[in-house]
C-alpha atoms as a PDB file:
ATOM      1  CA  UNK A   1     147.459 -92.427 -86.737  1.00  0.00           C
ATOM      2  CA  UNK A   2     149.298 -94.365 -89.333  1.00  0.00           C
ATOM      3  CA  UNK A   3     147.776 -94.304 -92.914  1.00  0.00           C
ATOM      4  CA  UNK A   4     149.327 -96.464 -95.955  1.00  0.00           C
ATOM      5  CA  UNK A   5     148.432 -96.010 -99.477  1.00  0.00           C
ATOM      6  CA  UNK A   6     149.186 -99.376-101.135  1.00  0.00           C
ATOM      7  CA  UNK A   7     148.817-100.272-104.832  1.00  0.00           C
ATOM      8  CA  UNK A   8     150.124-102.494-107.501  1.00  0.00           C
ATOM      9  CA  UNK A   9     148.711-105.886-106.984  1.00  0.00           C
ATOM     10  CA  UNK A  10     146.741-107.777-109.416  1.00  0.00           C
ATOM     11  CA  UNK A  11     146.805-111.100-111.335  1.00  0.00           C
ATOM     12  CA  UNK A  12     149.915-112.329-113.308  1.00  0.00           C
ATOM     13  CA  UNK A  13     150.832-115.264-115.134  1.00  0.00           C
ATOM     14  CA  UNK A  14     153.919-117.394-113.881  1.00  0.00           C
ATOM     15  CA  UNK A  15     157.084-115.530-114.949  1.00  0.00           C
ATOM     16  CA  UNK A  16     155.645-112.130-114.910  1.00  0.00           C
ATOM     17  CA  UNK A  17     156.286-108.925-113.124  1.00  0.00           C
ATOM     18  CA  UNK A  18     154.574-106.508-111.021  1.00  0.00           C
ATOM     19  CA  UNK A  19     155.719-103.847-108.997  1.00  0.00           C
ATOM     20  CA  UNK A  20     154.108-102.579-105.701  1.00  0.00           C
ATOM     21  CA  UNK A  21     154.190 -99.199-104.052  1.00  0.00           C
ATOM     22  CA  UNK A  22     153.197 -97.567-100.802  1.00  0.00           C
ATOM     23  CA  UNK A  23     153.279 -94.409 -99.158  1.00  0.00           C
ATOM     24  CA  UNK A  24     152.732 -93.806 -95.354  1.00  0.00           C
ATOM     25  CA  UNK A  25     151.292 -90.681 -95.172  1.00  0.00           C
ATOM     26  CA  UNK A  26     150.188 -89.657 -91.416  1.00  0.00           C
ATOM     27  CA  UNK A  27     152.462 -89.067 -88.326  1.00  0.00           C
ATOM     28  CA  UNK A  28     155.341 -91.054 -89.523  1.00  0.00           C
ATOM     29  CA  UNK A  29     158.313 -90.026 -87.595  1.00  0.00           C
ATOM     30  CA  UNK A  30     161.682 -91.274 -86.809  1.00  0.00           C
ATOM     31  CA  UNK A  31     161.141 -94.337 -89.258  1.00  0.00           C
ATOM     32  CA  UNK A  32     163.656 -96.723 -89.102  1.00  0.00           C
ATOM     33  CA  UNK A  33     162.613 -99.628 -91.433  1.00  0.00           C
ATOM     34  CA  UNK A  34     160.158 -99.896 -94.310  1.00  0.00           C
ATOM     35  CA  UNK A  35     159.123-102.694 -96.608  1.00  0.00           C
ATOM     36  CA  UNK A  36     156.774-105.354 -97.294  1.00  0.00           C
ATOM     37  CA  UNK A  37     155.527-108.336 -95.505  1.00  0.00           C
ATOM     38  CA  UNK A  38     153.239-111.013 -97.231  1.00  0.00           C
ATOM     39  CA  UNK A  39     150.361-113.407 -95.869  1.00  0.00           C
ATOM     40  CA  UNK A  40     148.876-116.228 -97.772  1.00  0.00           C
ATOM     41  CA  UNK A  41     145.666-118.222 -96.510  1.00  0.00           C
ATOM     42  CA  UNK A  42     146.453-120.673 -93.802  1.00  0.00           C
ATOM     43  CA  UNK A  43     150.089-119.558 -93.438  1.00  0.00           C
ATOM     44  CA  UNK A  44     151.906-116.763 -91.100  1.00  0.00           C
ATOM     45  CA  UNK A  45     152.709-113.288 -92.038  1.00  0.00           C
ATOM     46  CA  UNK A  46     156.206-113.265 -93.337  1.00  0.00           C
ATOM     47  CA  UNK A  47     158.887-110.623 -94.257  1.00  0.00           C
ATOM     48  CA  UNK A  48     159.401-110.077 -97.726  1.00  0.00           C
ATOM     49  CA  UNK A  49     161.843-107.181 -98.017  1.00  0.00           C
ATOM     50  CA  UNK A  50     162.536-104.325 -95.567  1.00  0.00           C
ATOM     51  CA  UNK A  51     165.103-101.419 -96.230  1.00  0.00           C
ATOM     52  CA  UNK A  52     166.488 -99.532 -93.257  1.00  0.00           C
ATOM     53  CA  UNK A  53     166.815 -95.900 -92.687  1.00  0.00           C
ATOM     54  CA  UNK A  54     170.699 -95.804 -94.101  1.00  0.00           C
ATOM     55  CA  UNK A  55     170.160 -98.340 -96.665  1.00  0.00           C
ATOM     56  CA  UNK A  56     170.733-101.903 -95.344  1.00  0.00           C
ATOM     57  CA  UNK A  57     168.478-104.447 -97.082  1.00  0.00           C
ATOM     58  CA  UNK A  58     166.891-107.607 -95.777  1.00  0.00           C
ATOM     59  CA  UNK A  59     165.450-109.686 -98.553  1.00  0.00           C
ATOM     60  CA  UNK A  60     163.640-113.341 -97.950  1.00  0.00           C
ATOM     61  CA  UNK A  61     165.517-116.031 -99.068  1.00  0.00           C
ATOM     62  CA  UNK A  62     162.585-117.360-101.073  1.00  0.00           C
ATOM     63  CA  UNK A  63     162.501-114.118-103.194  1.00  0.00           C
ATOM     64  CA  UNK A  64     166.035-113.417-103.437  1.00  0.00           C
ATOM     65  CA  UNK A  65     167.374-112.565-106.690  1.00  0.00           C
ATOM     66  CA  UNK A  66     163.882-112.077-107.945  1.00  0.00           C
ATOM     67  CA  UNK A  67     162.584-108.993-105.928  1.00  0.00           C
ATOM     68  CA  UNK A  68     164.020-105.843-105.271  1.00  0.00           C
ATOM     69  CA  UNK A  69     163.241-102.884-102.971  1.00  0.00           C
ATOM     70  CA  UNK A  70     163.759 -99.152-102.867  1.00  0.00           C
ATOM     71  CA  UNK A  71     162.792 -96.153-100.765  1.00  0.00           C
ATOM     72  CA  UNK A  72     162.468 -92.384-100.558  1.00  0.00           C
ATOM     73  CA  UNK A  73     163.137 -91.762 -96.697  1.00  0.00           C
ATOM     74  CA  UNK A  74     161.734 -88.206 -96.995  1.00  0.00           C
ATOM     75  CA  UNK A  75     158.640 -89.175 -98.742  1.00  0.00           C
ATOM     76  CA  UNK A  76     157.657 -92.358 -96.643  1.00  0.00           C
ATOM     77  CA  UNK A  77     157.463 -94.049 -99.678  1.00  0.00           C
ATOM     78  CA  UNK A  78     158.635 -97.725-100.616  1.00  0.00           C
ATOM     79  CA  UNK A  79     158.341 -99.765-103.633  1.00  0.00           C
ATOM     80  CA  UNK A  80     158.669-103.585-104.394  1.00  0.00           C
ATOM     81  CA  UNK A  81     159.864-104.856-107.680  1.00  0.00           C
ATOM     82  CA  UNK A  82     158.794-108.510-108.365  1.00  0.00           C
ATOM     83  CA  UNK A  83     160.001-110.319-111.206  1.00  0.00           C
ATOM     84  CA  UNK A  84     159.852-113.977-112.243  1.00  0.00           C
ATOM     85  CA  UNK A  85     156.751-114.360-110.124  1.00  0.00           C
ATOM     86  CA  UNK A  86     155.721-117.992-109.102  1.00  0.00           C
ATOM     87  CA  UNK A  87     152.292-119.540-107.726  1.00  0.00           C
ATOM     88  CA  UNK A  88     153.787-119.600-104.304  1.00  0.00           C
ATOM     89  CA  UNK A  89     154.237-115.992-104.208  1.00  0.00           C
ATOM     90  CA  UNK A  90     150.429-115.660-104.375  1.00  0.00           C
ATOM     91  CA  UNK A  91     149.596-113.703-101.257  1.00  0.00           C
ATOM     92  CA  UNK A  92     148.202-110.355 -99.548  1.00  0.00           C
ATOM     93  CA  UNK A  93     151.165-108.199 -99.646  1.00  0.00           C
ATOM     94  CA  UNK A  94     151.215-105.672 -96.718  1.00  0.00           C
ATOM     95  CA  UNK A  95     153.248-102.428 -96.312  1.00  0.00           C
ATOM     96  CA  UNK A  96     155.111-102.185 -93.286  1.00  0.00           C
ATOM     97  CA  UNK A  97     156.815 -99.478 -91.152  1.00  0.00           C
ATOM     98  CA  UNK A  98     159.119-100.002 -88.115  1.00  0.00           C
ATOM     99  CA  UNK A  99     160.350 -96.972 -85.977  1.00  0.00           C
ATOM    100  CA  UNK A 100     162.957 -96.288 -83.363  1.00  0.00           C
ATOM    101  CA  UNK A 101     160.665 -96.995 -80.376  1.00  0.00           C
ATOM    102  CA  UNK A 102     160.288-100.490 -81.737  1.00  0.00           C
ATOM    103  CA  UNK A 103     156.659-100.108 -82.890  1.00  0.00           C
ATOM    104  CA  UNK A 104     155.543-101.963 -85.852  1.00  0.00           C
ATOM    105  CA  UNK A 105     152.790-100.972 -88.334  1.00  0.00           C
ATOM    106  CA  UNK A 106     151.023-102.699 -91.469  1.00  0.00           C
ATOM    107  CA  UNK A 107     148.711-101.635 -94.006  1.00  0.00           C
ATOM    108  CA  UNK A 108     145.415-103.520 -95.253  1.00  0.00           C
ATOM    109  CA  UNK A 109     147.769-104.862 -98.234  1.00  0.00           C
ATOM    110  CA  UNK A 110     147.476-105.600-101.918  1.00  0.00           C
ATOM    111  CA  UNK A 111     146.620-108.781-103.395  1.00  0.00           C
ATOM    112  CA  UNK A 112     149.044-110.375-105.562  1.00  0.00           C
ATOM    113  CA  UNK A 113     147.775-113.718-107.476  1.00  0.00           C
ATOM    114  CA  UNK A 114     150.099-115.722-109.744  1.00  0.00           C
ATOM    115  CA  UNK A 115     148.694-118.366-112.198  1.00  0.00           C
ATOM    116  CA  UNK A 116     150.639-121.517-112.955  1.00  0.00           C
END
């Protein structure tokens, strides 16, 4: 029932910036957390940044100080501003939703590629 609209990925040189946007548009109720995960080839999916319903934010250590997350709870939208991108940030970035029943949902993702 959940649909995601994800955008903002692309190719950027080291040190560049991108902003990802996501809207969860179908049957999203009692949403607790929204944010972004990423998965690179040969690696496990990992949390990048999640902002909870009332504003508490989790940021991965690997991106802390470079990435920031924002959310509109009523619109079910979340954005990720990525600055000073590095090659190790290259991955498929997946929009994420968690609800109060403990269910997790991920979108198909948008590709971010950072050249050295």
